[in-house]
Amino acid sequence: MFPMSFPVTSRSRATYQPTLAWFAAIGGAWVFVLVILGAFTTSINAGMIFPDWPLSNNSLNPEGWLYDIAKFAEHSHRLSAGLMSLITIALAVWVWRVEERGWVRRLAVFAAALVLAQALVGGLRVLLEPQQVKTISTSVGRLFAMLHACLAQFYVCTLLALALSLSRAWIEGQGRSVDSLVRRLGVASCVLLLAQLGVAAVMRHSFAGLAIPTFPLSTPEGGLLPAAWNFKVAIHFTHRVLAALLCVALPWFTAAVWRDRAAGASMRATAAGLVVLLITQVTLGANVIWFARQPHITTAHVVVGAGTLAAAFGLTWWAHRPLLEREANAVPAPADPAEPAPVRT
């Protein structure tokens, strides 16, 4: 489903390369600039301010983009996406040339393929906006916008996995293997978060963010369930249900990390930060409703959601580190020199 399922077949031990590791870390950080710009563009409904792609009004420097907030948001997003694409492709080439672990090389190629697919989907979102799908009252462009938002989350996870796998702590650290419960809870938490962010993408691009205009209850009269149902209400309510499940799953995951003696200080600090992110996210979600989708609050809600996924995925990927490296470093036992060579017949 995401890079954690990559096969591990390399037999080589990695060597830490600081310049490459820092380049990967910078790429992993820069992707959040892209997430912020994309979230803000959607929050102010500026995704179609330019009807063409890949240029903006047939220019790399469209008139007025430094002064008009909608044009600035969308064009900055496109420029940042172009830079992110170059960073990811350069990282993939670099990793392929110098990295000894086959699974890391494949992960880097996957990241490059993903960023190119993401760029293409973003372009189709613009170019196919005029095409309408009457049966579901939306446009083909909007459907691609939903896919674009979902792919962004996989891309964040892939870059984070790559940066962690190239870090000094990963390559040179020893560390004991955490309990399998931590790994299982981590995978479950990531699956729930990806489902939640996917539902959120559909909700945002279906203009269903205020389909239920009260919080925490669903009606002004205090009802737990909405009084009337349609697609927008259903997708919004699903978003709330998944949020409630995450309010159980993420603290459970954090508690499992803290109870595990094999978890180091960094894992425990990240797990504690995960709970802080969860509380912040729920608070922002409530304020999105109370302040009628004020763009800055909505943008923060999207960005903190991506950060929550990154924290949970980073913990889960790190929990799998001993398993990945143990299999990668496994070398077949050398043949016994005293053993006679097989006789050919």
C-alpha atoms as a PDB file:
ATOM      1  CA  MET A   1       0.000   0.000   0.000  1.00  0.00           C
ATOM      2  CA  PHE A   2       2.837   2.343   0.800  1.00  0.00           C
ATOM      3  CA  PRO A   3       6.631   1.913   0.787  1.00  0.00           C
ATOM      4  CA  MET A   4       6.650  -0.247   3.922  1.00  0.00           C
ATOM      5  CA  SER A   5       5.718  -3.162   1.662  1.00  0.00           C
ATOM      6  CA  PHE A   6       8.892  -2.885  -0.456  1.00  0.00           C
ATOM      7  CA  PRO A   7      10.762  -6.185  -0.672  1.00  0.00           C
ATOM      8  CA  VAL A   8      14.119  -6.309   1.016  1.00  0.00           C
ATOM      9  CA  THR A   9      16.558  -8.271  -1.074  1.00  0.00           C
ATOM     10  CA  SER A  10      19.873  -6.420  -0.794  1.00  0.00           C
ATOM     11  CA  ARG A  11      22.814  -8.212   0.804  1.00  0.00           C
ATOM     12  CA  SER A  12      24.984  -5.117   1.297  1.00  0.00           C
ATOM     13  CA  ARG A  13      25.688  -3.185   4.472  1.00  0.00           C
ATOM     14  CA  ALA A  14      25.053   0.560   4.124  1.00  0.00           C
ATOM     15  CA  THR A  15      27.609   3.311   4.645  1.00  0.00           C
ATOM     16  CA  TYR A  16      26.463   6.623   6.064  1.00  0.00           C
ATOM     17  CA  GLN A  17      26.915   9.484   3.593  1.00  0.00           C
ATOM     18  CA  PRO A  18      26.254  12.815   5.337  1.00  0.00           C
ATOM     19  CA  THR A  19      25.774  15.005   2.256  1.00  0.00           C
ATOM     20  CA  LEU A  20      23.244  12.628   0.757  1.00  0.00           C
ATOM     21  CA  ALA A  21      21.484  12.241   4.100  1.00  0.00           C
ATOM     22  CA  TRP A  22      21.155  16.010   4.536  1.00  0.00           C
ATOM     23  CA  PHE A  23      19.901  16.440   0.987  1.00  0.00           C
ATOM     24  CA  ALA A  24      17.197  13.833   1.658  1.00  0.00           C
ATOM     25  CA  ALA A  25      16.311  15.551   4.945  1.00  0.00           C
ATOM     26  CA  ILE A  26      15.981  18.933   3.220  1.00  0.00           C
ATOM     27  CA  GLY A  27      13.730  17.352   0.599  1.00  0.00           C
ATOM     28  CA  GLY A  28      11.613  15.825   3.347  1.00  0.00           C
ATOM     29  CA  ALA A  29      11.267  19.232   5.000  1.00  0.00           C
ATOM     30  CA  TRP A  30      10.590  21.139   1.760  1.00  0.00           C
ATOM     31  CA  VAL A  31       7.635  18.908   0.942  1.00  0.00           C
ATOM     32  CA  PHE A  32       5.762  20.553   3.813  1.00  0.00           C
ATOM     33  CA  VAL A  33       6.169  23.944   2.109  1.00  0.00           C
ATOM     34  CA  LEU A  34       4.398  22.350  -0.840  1.00  0.00           C
ATOM     35  CA  VAL A  35       1.670  20.966   1.448  1.00  0.00           C
ATOM     36  CA  ILE A  36       1.127  24.386   3.042  1.00  0.00           C
ATOM     37  CA  LEU A  37       0.840  26.141  -0.320  1.00  0.00           C
ATOM     38  CA  GLY A  38      -1.475  23.480  -1.709  1.00  0.00           C
ATOM     39  CA  ALA A  39      -3.692  23.570   1.381  1.00  0.00           C
ATOM     40  CA  PHE A  40      -3.929  27.356   1.314  1.00  0.00           C
ATOM     41  CA  THR A  41      -4.695  27.362  -2.424  1.00  0.00           C
ATOM     42  CA  THR A  42      -7.601  24.971  -1.864  1.00  0.00           C
ATOM     43  CA  SER A  43      -8.790  26.833   1.244  1.00  0.00           C
ATOM     44  CA  ILE A  44      -9.236  30.083  -0.716  1.00  0.00           C
ATOM     45  CA  ASN A  45     -10.628  28.241  -3.793  1.00  0.00           C
ATOM     46  CA  ALA A  46      -7.752  29.409  -5.999  1.00  0.00           C
ATOM     47  CA  GLY A  47      -6.994  26.085  -7.659  1.00  0.00           C
ATOM     48  CA  MET A  48      -8.457  27.219 -10.976  1.00  0.00           C
ATOM     49  CA  ILE A  49      -7.198  30.807 -11.009  1.00  0.00           C
ATOM     50  CA  PHE A  50      -5.067  29.777 -14.002  1.00  0.00           C
ATOM     51  CA  PRO A  51      -6.954  27.676 -16.578  1.00  0.00           C
ATOM     52  CA  ASP A  52      -3.793  26.368 -18.262  1.00  0.00           C
ATOM     53  CA  TRP A  53      -0.968  24.034 -17.213  1.00  0.00           C
ATOM     54  CA  PRO A  54       2.018  23.642 -16.796  1.00  0.00           C
ATOM     55  CA  LEU A  55       2.392  27.388 -17.389  1.00  0.00           C
ATOM     56  CA  SER A  56       0.243  29.985 -15.653  1.00  0.00           C
ATOM     57  CA  ASN A  57      -1.520  32.183 -18.203  1.00  0.00           C
ATOM     58  CA  ASN A  58       1.094  30.916 -20.667  1.00  0.00           C
ATOM     59  CA  SER A  59       3.947  32.277 -18.536  1.00  0.00           C
ATOM     60  CA  LEU A  60       6.407  31.324 -15.821  1.00  0.00           C
ATOM     61  CA  ASN A  61       5.941  34.837 -14.486  1.00  0.00           C
ATOM     62  CA  PRO A  62       2.227  35.611 -14.937  1.00  0.00           C
ATOM     63  CA  GLU A  63       1.134  39.189 -14.589  1.00  0.00           C
ATOM     64  CA  GLY A  64      -0.003  40.192 -11.109  1.00  0.00           C
ATOM     65  CA  TRP A  65       0.890  36.965  -9.312  1.00  0.00           C
ATOM     66  CA  LEU A  66       2.997  38.789  -6.729  1.00  0.00           C
ATOM     67  CA  TYR A  67       0.078  41.065  -5.786  1.00  0.00           C
ATOM     68  CA  ASP A  68      -3.068  38.951  -6.177  1.00  0.00           C
ATOM     69  CA  ILE A  69      -3.358  36.476  -3.284  1.00  0.00           C
ATOM     70  CA  ALA A  70      -5.167  33.809  -5.336  1.00  0.00           C
ATOM     71  CA  LYS A  71      -2.641  33.982  -8.169  1.00  0.00           C
ATOM     72  CA  PHE A  72       0.234  34.020  -5.679  1.00  0.00           C
ATOM     73  CA  ALA A  73      -1.045  30.929  -3.872  1.00  0.00           C
ATOM     74  CA  GLU A  74      -1.534  28.818  -7.006  1.00  0.00           C
ATOM     75  CA  HIS A  75       1.571  29.953  -8.891  1.00  0.00           C
ATOM     76  CA  SER A  76       3.765  29.552  -5.794  1.00  0.00           C
ATOM     77  CA  HIS A  77       2.358  26.053  -5.416  1.00  0.00           C
ATOM     78  CA  ARG A  78       3.272  25.250  -9.025  1.00  0.00           C
ATOM     79  CA  LEU A  79       6.781  26.676  -8.698  1.00  0.00           C
ATOM     80  CA  SER A  80       7.346  24.780  -5.447  1.00  0.00           C
ATOM     81  CA  ALA A  81       6.057  21.585  -7.053  1.00  0.00           C
ATOM     82  CA  GLY A  82       8.518  22.029  -9.916  1.00  0.00           C
ATOM     83  CA  LEU A  83      11.380  22.492  -7.468  1.00  0.00           C
ATOM     84  CA  MET A  84      10.235  19.492  -5.438  1.00  0.00           C
ATOM     85  CA  SER A  85      10.183  17.380  -8.588  1.00  0.00           C
ATOM     86  CA  LEU A  86      13.774  18.335  -9.401  1.00  0.00           C
ATOM     87  CA  ILE A  87      14.878  17.610  -5.825  1.00  0.00           C
ATOM     88  CA  THR A  88      13.219  14.185  -5.841  1.00  0.00           C
ATOM     89  CA  ILE A  89      14.607  13.166  -9.238  1.00  0.00           C
ATOM     90  CA  ALA A  90      18.105  14.333  -8.246  1.00  0.00           C
ATOM     91  CA  LEU A  91      17.792  12.399  -4.986  1.00  0.00           C
ATOM     92  CA  ALA A  92      16.725   9.262  -6.841  1.00  0.00           C
ATOM     93  CA  VAL A  93      19.675   9.469  -9.248  1.00  0.00           C
ATOM     94  CA  TRP A  94      22.105  10.132  -6.396  1.00  0.00           C
ATOM     95  CA  VAL A  95      20.777   7.269  -4.289  1.00  0.00           C
ATOM     96  CA  TRP A  96      20.824   4.877  -7.245  1.00  0.00           C
ATOM     97  CA  ARG A  97      24.469   5.673  -7.960  1.00  0.00           C
ATOM     98  CA  VAL A  98      25.918   5.453  -4.457  1.00  0.00           C
ATOM     99  CA  GLU A  99      23.548   3.567  -2.159  1.00  0.00           C
ATOM    100  CA  GLU A 100      24.459  -0.058  -1.400  1.00  0.00           C
ATOM    101  CA  ARG A 101      21.020  -1.232  -0.256  1.00  0.00           C
ATOM    102  CA  GLY A 102      18.819  -2.337  -3.107  1.00  0.00           C
ATOM    103  CA  TRP A 103      15.561  -1.644  -1.285  1.00  0.00           C
ATOM    104  CA  VAL A 104      16.619   1.970  -0.616  1.00  0.00           C
ATOM    105  CA  ARG A 105      17.450   2.444  -4.299  1.00  0.00           C
ATOM    106  CA  ARG A 106      14.021   1.147  -5.246  1.00  0.00           C
ATOM    107  CA  LEU A 107      12.410   3.399  -2.659  1.00  0.00           C
ATOM    108  CA  ALA A 108      14.143   6.428  -4.214  1.00  0.00           C
ATOM    109  CA  VAL A 109      12.941   5.459  -7.697  1.00  0.00           C
ATOM    110  CA  PHE A 110       9.428   5.022  -6.307  1.00  0.00           C
ATOM    111  CA  ALA A 111       9.610   8.554  -4.874  1.00  0.00           C
ATOM    112  CA  ALA A 112      10.628   9.954  -8.271  1.00  0.00           C
ATOM    113  CA  ALA A 113       7.827   8.090 -10.031  1.00  0.00           C
ATOM    114  CA  LEU A 114       5.364   9.294  -7.409  1.00  0.00           C
ATOM    115  CA  VAL A 115       6.302  12.963  -7.766  1.00  0.00           C
ATOM    116  CA  LEU A 116       5.945  12.753 -11.550  1.00  0.00           C
ATOM    117  CA  ALA A 117       2.555  11.059 -11.189  1.00  0.00           C
ATOM    118  CA  GLN A 118       1.541  13.739  -8.683  1.00  0.00           C
ATOM    119  CA  ALA A 119       2.526  16.498 -11.117  1.00  0.00           C
ATOM    120  CA  LEU A 120       0.544  14.844 -13.913  1.00  0.00           C
ATOM    121  CA  VAL A 121      -2.532  14.422 -11.724  1.00  0.00           C
ATOM    122  CA  GLY A 122      -2.267  18.068 -10.668  1.00  0.00           C
ATOM    123  CA  GLY A 123      -2.147  19.116 -14.302  1.00  0.00           C
ATOM    124  CA  LEU A 124      -5.149  16.972 -15.220  1.00  0.00           C
ATOM    125  CA  ARG A 125      -7.025  18.558 -12.317  1.00  0.00           C
ATOM    126  CA  VAL A 126      -6.703  21.899 -14.147  1.00  0.00           C
ATOM    127  CA  LEU A 127      -7.083  20.756 -17.741  1.00  0.00           C
ATOM    128  CA  LEU A 128     -10.138  18.547 -17.138  1.00  0.00           C
ATOM    129  CA  GLU A 129     -12.050  20.952 -14.906  1.00  0.00           C
ATOM    130  CA  PRO A 130     -14.502  21.852 -17.725  1.00  0.00           C
ATOM    131  CA  GLN A 131     -15.529  18.194 -18.111  1.00  0.00           C
ATOM    132  CA  GLN A 132     -18.579  17.526 -15.935  1.00  0.00           C
ATOM    133  CA  VAL A 133     -19.761  14.259 -14.359  1.00  0.00           C
ATOM    134  CA  LYS A 134     -23.482  14.899 -14.069  1.00  0.00           C
ATOM    135  CA  THR A 135     -24.300  11.683 -12.206  1.00  0.00           C
ATOM    136  CA  ILE A 136     -22.347  12.864  -9.149  1.00  0.00           C
ATOM    137  CA  SER A 137     -22.641  16.619  -9.748  1.00  0.00           C
ATOM    138  CA  THR A 138     -18.937  17.328  -9.998  1.00  0.00           C
ATOM    139  CA  SER A 139     -16.202  17.775 -12.583  1.00  0.00           C
ATOM    140  CA  VAL A 140     -13.503  15.406 -13.753  1.00  0.00           C
ATOM    141  CA  GLY A 141     -11.031  18.022 -12.563  1.00  0.00           C
ATOM    142  CA  ARG A 142     -12.438  17.809  -9.039  1.00  0.00           C
ATOM    143  CA  LEU A 143     -12.007  14.028  -9.050  1.00  0.00           C
ATOM    144  CA  PHE A 144      -8.366  14.484  -9.981  1.00  0.00           C
ATOM    145  CA  ALA A 145      -8.065  17.116  -7.229  1.00  0.00           C
ATOM    146  CA  MET A 146      -9.162  14.495  -4.703  1.00  0.00           C
ATOM    147  CA  LEU A 147      -6.606  12.028  -6.072  1.00  0.00           C
ATOM    148  CA  HIS A 148      -3.949  14.771  -6.030  1.00  0.00           C
ATOM    149  CA  ALA A 149      -4.589  15.392  -2.327  1.00  0.00           C
ATOM    150  CA  CYS A 150      -4.401  11.666  -1.514  1.00  0.00           C
ATOM    151  CA  LEU A 151      -1.181  11.096  -3.462  1.00  0.00           C
ATOM    152  CA  ALA A 152       0.385  13.980  -1.559  1.00  0.00           C
ATOM    153  CA  GLN A 153       0.107  11.982   1.672  1.00  0.00           C
ATOM    154  CA  PHE A 154       1.823   8.936   0.145  1.00  0.00           C
ATOM    155  CA  TYR A 155       4.523  11.224  -1.207  1.00  0.00           C
ATOM    156  CA  VAL A 156       5.158  12.723   2.250  1.00  0.00           C
ATOM    157  CA  CYS A 157       5.511   9.220   3.714  1.00  0.00           C
ATOM    158  CA  THR A 158       7.853   8.077   0.943  1.00  0.00           C
ATOM    159  CA  LEU A 159      10.213  11.031   1.345  1.00  0.00           C
ATOM    160  CA  LEU A 160      10.198  10.590   5.122  1.00  0.00           C
ATOM    161  CA  ALA A 161      11.015   6.873   4.787  1.00  0.00           C
ATOM    162  CA  LEU A 162      13.879   7.713   2.448  1.00  0.00           C
ATOM    163  CA  ALA A 163      15.280  10.437   4.718  1.00  0.00           C
ATOM    164  CA  LEU A 164      15.123   8.177   7.777  1.00  0.00           C
ATOM    165  CA  SER A 165      16.723   5.262   5.943  1.00  0.00           C
ATOM    166  CA  LEU A 166      19.679   7.441   4.895  1.00  0.00           C
ATOM    167  CA  SER A 167      20.225   9.023   8.328  1.00  0.00           C
ATOM    168  CA  ARG A 168      23.222   8.294  10.576  1.00  0.00           C
ATOM    169  CA  ALA A 169      20.977   7.053  13.368  1.00  0.00           C
ATOM    170  CA  TRP A 170      19.387   4.483  11.041  1.00  0.00           C
ATOM    171  CA  ILE A 171      22.619   3.245   9.447  1.00  0.00           C
ATOM    172  CA  GLU A 172      24.997   3.307  12.415  1.00  0.00           C
ATOM    173  CA  GLY A 173      22.563   2.837  15.292  1.00  0.00           C
ATOM    174  CA  GLN A 174      22.179  -0.500  16.985  1.00  0.00           C
ATOM    175  CA  GLY A 175      18.970  -0.538  18.978  1.00  0.00           C
ATOM    176  CA  ARG A 176      16.822  -3.474  19.966  1.00  0.00           C
ATOM    177  CA  SER A 177      13.720  -4.524  18.094  1.00  0.00           C
ATOM    178  CA  VAL A 178      10.514  -3.156  19.569  1.00  0.00           C
ATOM    179  CA  ASP A 179       7.621  -5.442  20.381  1.00  0.00           C
ATOM    180  CA  SER A 180       5.450  -6.582  17.483  1.00  0.00           C
ATOM    181  CA  LEU A 181       2.465  -4.851  19.141  1.00  0.00           C
ATOM    182  CA  VAL A 182       4.121  -1.482  18.504  1.00  0.00           C
ATOM    183  CA  ARG A 183       4.558  -2.330  14.840  1.00  0.00           C
ATOM    184  CA  ARG A 184       0.991  -3.564  14.466  1.00  0.00           C
ATOM    185  CA  LEU A 185      -0.485  -0.523  16.181  1.00  0.00           C
ATOM    186  CA  GLY A 186       1.725   1.713  14.061  1.00  0.00           C
ATOM    187  CA  VAL A 187       0.529   0.132  10.816  1.00  0.00           C
ATOM    188  CA  ALA A 188      -3.102   0.322  11.981  1.00  0.00           C
ATOM    189  CA  SER A 189      -2.678   3.986  12.929  1.00  0.00           C
ATOM    190  CA  CYS A 190      -1.153   4.819   9.523  1.00  0.00           C
ATOM    191  CA  VAL A 191      -3.973   3.035   7.700  1.00  0.00           C
ATOM    192  CA  LEU A 192      -6.575   4.946   9.716  1.00  0.00           C
ATOM    193  CA  LEU A 193      -4.781   8.245   9.096  1.00  0.00           C
ATOM    194  CA  LEU A 194      -4.542   7.616   5.359  1.00  0.00           C
ATOM    195  CA  ALA A 195      -8.247   6.745   5.270  1.00  0.00           C
ATOM    196  CA  GLN A 196      -9.068   9.876   7.260  1.00  0.00           C
ATOM    197  CA  LEU A 197      -6.994  12.124   5.020  1.00  0.00           C
ATOM    198  CA  GLY A 198      -8.524  10.516   1.925  1.00  0.00           C
ATOM    199  CA  VAL A 199     -12.027  11.185   3.242  1.00  0.00           C
ATOM    200  CA  ALA A 200     -10.951  14.726   4.107  1.00  0.00           C
ATOM    201  CA  ALA A 201      -9.761  15.259   0.525  1.00  0.00           C
ATOM    202  CA  VAL A 202     -13.119  14.136  -0.846  1.00  0.00           C
ATOM    203  CA  MET A 203     -14.919  16.326   1.698  1.00  0.00           C
ATOM    204  CA  ARG A 204     -12.899  19.442   0.886  1.00  0.00           C
ATOM    205  CA  HIS A 205     -13.228  19.103  -2.858  1.00  0.00           C
ATOM    206  CA  SER A 206     -16.933  18.308  -2.581  1.00  0.00           C
ATOM    207  CA  PHE A 207     -17.465  21.547  -0.622  1.00  0.00           C
ATOM    208  CA  ALA A 208     -18.756  19.496   2.316  1.00  0.00           C
ATOM    209  CA  GLY A 209     -16.638  21.104   5.025  1.00  0.00           C
ATOM    210  CA  LEU A 210     -19.702  22.758   6.568  1.00  0.00           C
ATOM    211  CA  ALA A 211     -22.257  20.119   5.625  1.00  0.00           C
ATOM    212  CA  ILE A 212     -22.681  19.587   9.371  1.00  0.00           C
ATOM    213  CA  PRO A 213     -22.401  23.159  10.716  1.00  0.00           C
ATOM    214  CA  THR A 214     -22.265  22.301  14.434  1.00  0.00           C
ATOM    215  CA  PHE A 215     -19.610  20.662  16.588  1.00  0.00           C
ATOM    216  CA  PRO A 216     -19.191  18.401  18.524  1.00  0.00           C
ATOM    217  CA  LEU A 217     -22.836  17.362  18.068  1.00  0.00           C
ATOM    218  CA  SER A 218     -24.422  17.087  14.653  1.00  0.00           C
ATOM    219  CA  THR A 219     -27.521  19.257  15.027  1.00  0.00           C
ATOM    220  CA  PRO A 220     -28.272  22.576  16.744  1.00  0.00           C
ATOM    221  CA  GLU A 221     -30.729  20.647  18.928  1.00  0.00           C
ATOM    222  CA  GLY A 222     -27.938  18.442  20.262  1.00  0.00           C
ATOM    223  CA  GLY A 223     -28.441  15.345  18.130  1.00  0.00           C
ATOM    224  CA  LEU A 224     -25.579  12.887  17.804  1.00  0.00           C
ATOM    225  CA  LEU A 225     -26.608  11.981  14.249  1.00  0.00           C
ATOM    226  CA  PRO A 226     -27.467  14.435  11.461  1.00  0.00           C
ATOM    227  CA  ALA A 227     -31.168  15.133  11.008  1.00  0.00           C
ATOM    228  CA  ALA A 228     -31.005  14.725   7.214  1.00  0.00           C
ATOM    229  CA  TRP A 229     -28.608  12.782   5.011  1.00  0.00           C
ATOM    230  CA  ASN A 230     -27.050  13.300   1.599  1.00  0.00           C
ATOM    231  CA  PHE A 231     -23.592  12.637   0.140  1.00  0.00           C
ATOM    232  CA  LYS A 232     -22.020  15.754   1.645  1.00  0.00           C
ATOM    233  CA  VAL A 233     -23.425  15.062   5.094  1.00  0.00           C
ATOM    234  CA  ALA A 234     -22.355  11.404   4.905  1.00  0.00           C
ATOM    235  CA  ILE A 235     -18.763  12.165   3.895  1.00  0.00           C
ATOM    236  CA  HIS A 236     -18.503  14.846   6.579  1.00  0.00           C
ATOM    237  CA  PHE A 237     -19.906  12.529   9.255  1.00  0.00           C
ATOM    238  CA  THR A 238     -17.490   9.780   8.160  1.00  0.00           C
ATOM    239  CA  HIS A 239     -14.661  12.254   8.698  1.00  0.00           C
ATOM    240  CA  ARG A 240     -15.830  12.796  12.269  1.00  0.00           C
ATOM    241  CA  VAL A 241     -16.205   9.070  12.961  1.00  0.00           C
ATOM    242  CA  LEU A 242     -12.671   8.385  11.753  1.00  0.00           C
ATOM    243  CA  ALA A 243     -11.430  11.257  13.929  1.00  0.00           C
ATOM    244  CA  ALA A 244     -13.043   9.596  16.941  1.00  0.00           C
ATOM    245  CA  LEU A 245     -11.350   6.287  16.095  1.00  0.00           C
ATOM    246  CA  LEU A 246      -7.998   8.062  15.802  1.00  0.00           C
ATOM    247  CA  CYS A 247      -8.532   9.593  19.244  1.00  0.00           C
ATOM    248  CA  VAL A 248      -8.376   5.998  20.513  1.00  0.00           C
ATOM    249  CA  ALA A 249      -5.786   4.509  18.157  1.00  0.00           C
ATOM    250  CA  LEU A 250      -3.068   7.174  18.396  1.00  0.00           C
ATOM    251  CA  PRO A 251      -2.946   7.354  22.235  1.00  0.00           C
ATOM    252  CA  TRP A 252      -2.930   3.533  22.292  1.00  0.00           C
ATOM    253  CA  PHE A 253      -0.002   3.534  19.865  1.00  0.00           C
ATOM    254  CA  THR A 254       1.794   6.152  21.964  1.00  0.00           C
ATOM    255  CA  ALA A 255       1.248   4.177  25.168  1.00  0.00           C
ATOM    256  CA  ALA A 256       2.635   1.031  23.510  1.00  0.00           C
ATOM    257  CA  VAL A 257       5.773   2.912  22.472  1.00  0.00           C
ATOM    258  CA  TRP A 258       6.283   4.298  25.975  1.00  0.00           C
ATOM    259  CA  ARG A 259       5.807   0.890  27.595  1.00  0.00           C
ATOM    260  CA  ASP A 260       8.322  -0.787  25.288  1.00  0.00           C
ATOM    261  CA  ARG A 261      11.789  -0.819  26.867  1.00  0.00           C
ATOM    262  CA  ALA A 262      13.391  -1.151  23.440  1.00  0.00           C
ATOM    263  CA  ALA A 263      11.995   2.222  22.345  1.00  0.00           C
ATOM    264  CA  GLY A 264      14.637   4.918  22.611  1.00  0.00           C
ATOM    265  CA  ALA A 265      14.267   8.510  23.756  1.00  0.00           C
ATOM    266  CA  SER A 266      13.635   9.757  20.213  1.00  0.00           C
ATOM    267  CA  MET A 267      10.812   7.294  19.655  1.00  0.00           C
ATOM    268  CA  ARG A 268       9.201   8.224  22.950  1.00  0.00           C
ATOM    269  CA  ALA A 269       9.501  11.946  22.248  1.00  0.00           C
ATOM    270  CA  THR A 270       7.960  11.483  18.793  1.00  0.00           C
ATOM    271  CA  ALA A 271       5.142   9.413  20.296  1.00  0.00           C
ATOM    272  CA  ALA A 272       4.445  12.166  22.828  1.00  0.00           C
ATOM    273  CA  GLY A 273       4.484  14.692  19.990  1.00  0.00           C
ATOM    274  CA  LEU A 274       1.956  12.551  18.150  1.00  0.00           C
ATOM    275  CA  VAL A 275      -0.548  13.051  20.961  1.00  0.00           C
ATOM    276  CA  VAL A 276       0.106  16.806  20.932  1.00  0.00           C
ATOM    277  CA  LEU A 277      -0.512  16.852  17.175  1.00  0.00           C
ATOM    278  CA  LEU A 278      -3.737  14.891  17.661  1.00  0.00           C
ATOM    279  CA  ILE A 279      -5.030  17.361  20.266  1.00  0.00           C
ATOM    280  CA  THR A 280      -4.048  20.289  18.044  1.00  0.00           C
ATOM    281  CA  GLN A 281      -5.762  18.696  15.052  1.00  0.00           C
ATOM    282  CA  VAL A 282      -9.030  18.105  16.891  1.00  0.00           C
ATOM    283  CA  THR A 283      -8.971  21.687  18.173  1.00  0.00           C
ATOM    284  CA  LEU A 284      -8.348  23.038  14.680  1.00  0.00           C
ATOM    285  CA  GLY A 285     -11.126  20.849  13.263  1.00  0.00           C
ATOM    286  CA  ALA A 286     -13.580  22.277  15.772  1.00  0.00           C
ATOM    287  CA  ASN A 287     -12.489  25.807  14.900  1.00  0.00           C
ATOM    288  CA  VAL A 288     -12.926  25.104  11.182  1.00  0.00           C
ATOM    289  CA  ILE A 289     -16.641  24.588  11.974  1.00  0.00           C
ATOM    290  CA  TRP A 290     -16.989  27.383  14.520  1.00  0.00           C
ATOM    291  CA  PHE A 291     -15.277  29.942  12.268  1.00  0.00           C
ATOM    292  CA  ALA A 292     -16.953  28.766   9.034  1.00  0.00           C
ATOM    293  CA  ARG A 293     -13.807  27.464   7.292  1.00  0.00           C
ATOM    294  CA  GLN A 294     -11.661  30.532   7.827  1.00  0.00           C
ATOM    295  CA  PRO A 295      -8.811  29.929   5.344  1.00  0.00           C
ATOM    296  CA  HIS A 296      -5.877  30.157   7.755  1.00  0.00           C
ATOM    297  CA  ILE A 297      -7.506  27.779  10.243  1.00  0.00           C
ATOM    298  CA  THR A 298      -8.465  25.363   7.457  1.00  0.00           C
ATOM    299  CA  THR A 299      -4.941  25.454   6.052  1.00  0.00           C
ATOM    300  CA  ALA A 300      -3.474  24.760   9.490  1.00  0.00           C
ATOM    301  CA  HIS A 301      -5.894  21.838   9.890  1.00  0.00           C
ATOM    302  CA  VAL A 302      -4.677  20.276   6.625  1.00  0.00           C
ATOM    303  CA  VAL A 303      -0.992  20.828   7.447  1.00  0.00           C
ATOM    304  CA  VAL A 304      -1.260  19.436  10.984  1.00  0.00           C
ATOM    305  CA  GLY A 305      -3.088  16.427   9.532  1.00  0.00           C
ATOM    306  CA  ALA A 306      -0.140  15.770   7.228  1.00  0.00           C
ATOM    307  CA  GLY A 307       2.233  16.274  10.169  1.00  0.00           C
ATOM    308  CA  THR A 308       0.281  13.773  12.258  1.00  0.00           C
ATOM    309  CA  LEU A 309       0.562  11.188   9.496  1.00  0.00           C
ATOM    310  CA  ALA A 310       4.278  11.920   9.155  1.00  0.00           C
ATOM    311  CA  ALA A 311       4.855  11.421  12.892  1.00  0.00           C
ATOM    312  CA  ALA A 312       2.884   8.150  12.992  1.00  0.00           C
ATOM    313  CA  PHE A 313       4.497   6.847   9.812  1.00  0.00           C
ATOM    314  CA  GLY A 314       7.991   7.846  10.954  1.00  0.00           C
ATOM    315  CA  LEU A 315       7.517   5.956  14.211  1.00  0.00           C
ATOM    316  CA  THR A 316       6.146   2.931  12.374  1.00  0.00           C
ATOM    317  CA  TRP A 317       8.947   2.941   9.798  1.00  0.00           C
ATOM    318  CA  TRP A 318      11.542   3.224  12.567  1.00  0.00           C
ATOM    319  CA  ALA A 319       9.907   0.373  14.471  1.00  0.00           C
ATOM    320  CA  HIS A 320      10.504  -1.798  11.396  1.00  0.00           C
ATOM    321  CA  ARG A 321      14.172  -0.744  11.105  1.00  0.00           C
ATOM    322  CA  PRO A 322      15.721  -3.801  12.801  1.00  0.00           C
ATOM    323  CA  LEU A 323      13.685  -6.122  10.578  1.00  0.00           C
ATOM    324  CA  LEU A 324      14.628  -4.269   7.391  1.00  0.00           C
ATOM    325  CA  GLU A 325      18.314  -4.045   8.208  1.00  0.00           C
ATOM    326  CA  ARG A 326      18.549  -7.559   9.621  1.00  0.00           C
ATOM    327  CA  GLU A 327      17.288  -9.048   6.371  1.00  0.00           C
ATOM    328  CA  ALA A 328      19.306  -6.608   4.241  1.00  0.00           C
ATOM    329  CA  ASN A 329      22.524  -7.467   6.067  1.00  0.00           C
ATOM    330  CA  ALA A 330      21.967 -11.205   6.105  1.00  0.00           C
ATOM    331  CA  VAL A 331      24.826 -12.843   4.220  1.00  0.00           C
ATOM    332  CA  PRO A 332      24.742 -16.532   3.296  1.00  0.00           C
ATOM    333  CA  ALA A 333      27.216 -18.652   5.255  1.00  0.00           C
ATOM    334  CA  PRO A 334      30.471 -19.195   3.310  1.00  0.00           C
ATOM    335  CA  ALA A 335      31.048 -22.599   1.835  1.00  0.00           C
ATOM    336  CA  ASP A 336      33.296 -24.932   3.817  1.00  0.00           C
ATOM    337  CA  PRO A 337      36.704 -24.946   2.005  1.00  0.00           C
ATOM    338  CA  ALA A 338      37.281 -28.510   3.171  1.00  0.00           C
ATOM    339  CA  GLU A 339      34.142 -29.687   1.457  1.00  0.00           C
ATOM    340  CA  PRO A 340      34.989 -31.383  -1.868  1.00  0.00           C
ATOM    341  CA  ALA A 341      33.659 -29.823  -5.016  1.00  0.00           C
ATOM    342  CA  PRO A 342      30.694 -31.599  -6.559  1.00  0.00           C
ATOM    343  CA  VAL A 343      31.612 -34.139  -9.224  1.00  0.00           C
ATOM    344  CA  ARG A 344      30.088 -33.475 -12.622  1.00  0.00           C
ATOM    345  CA  THR A 345      28.643 -36.496 -14.399  1.00  0.00           C
END
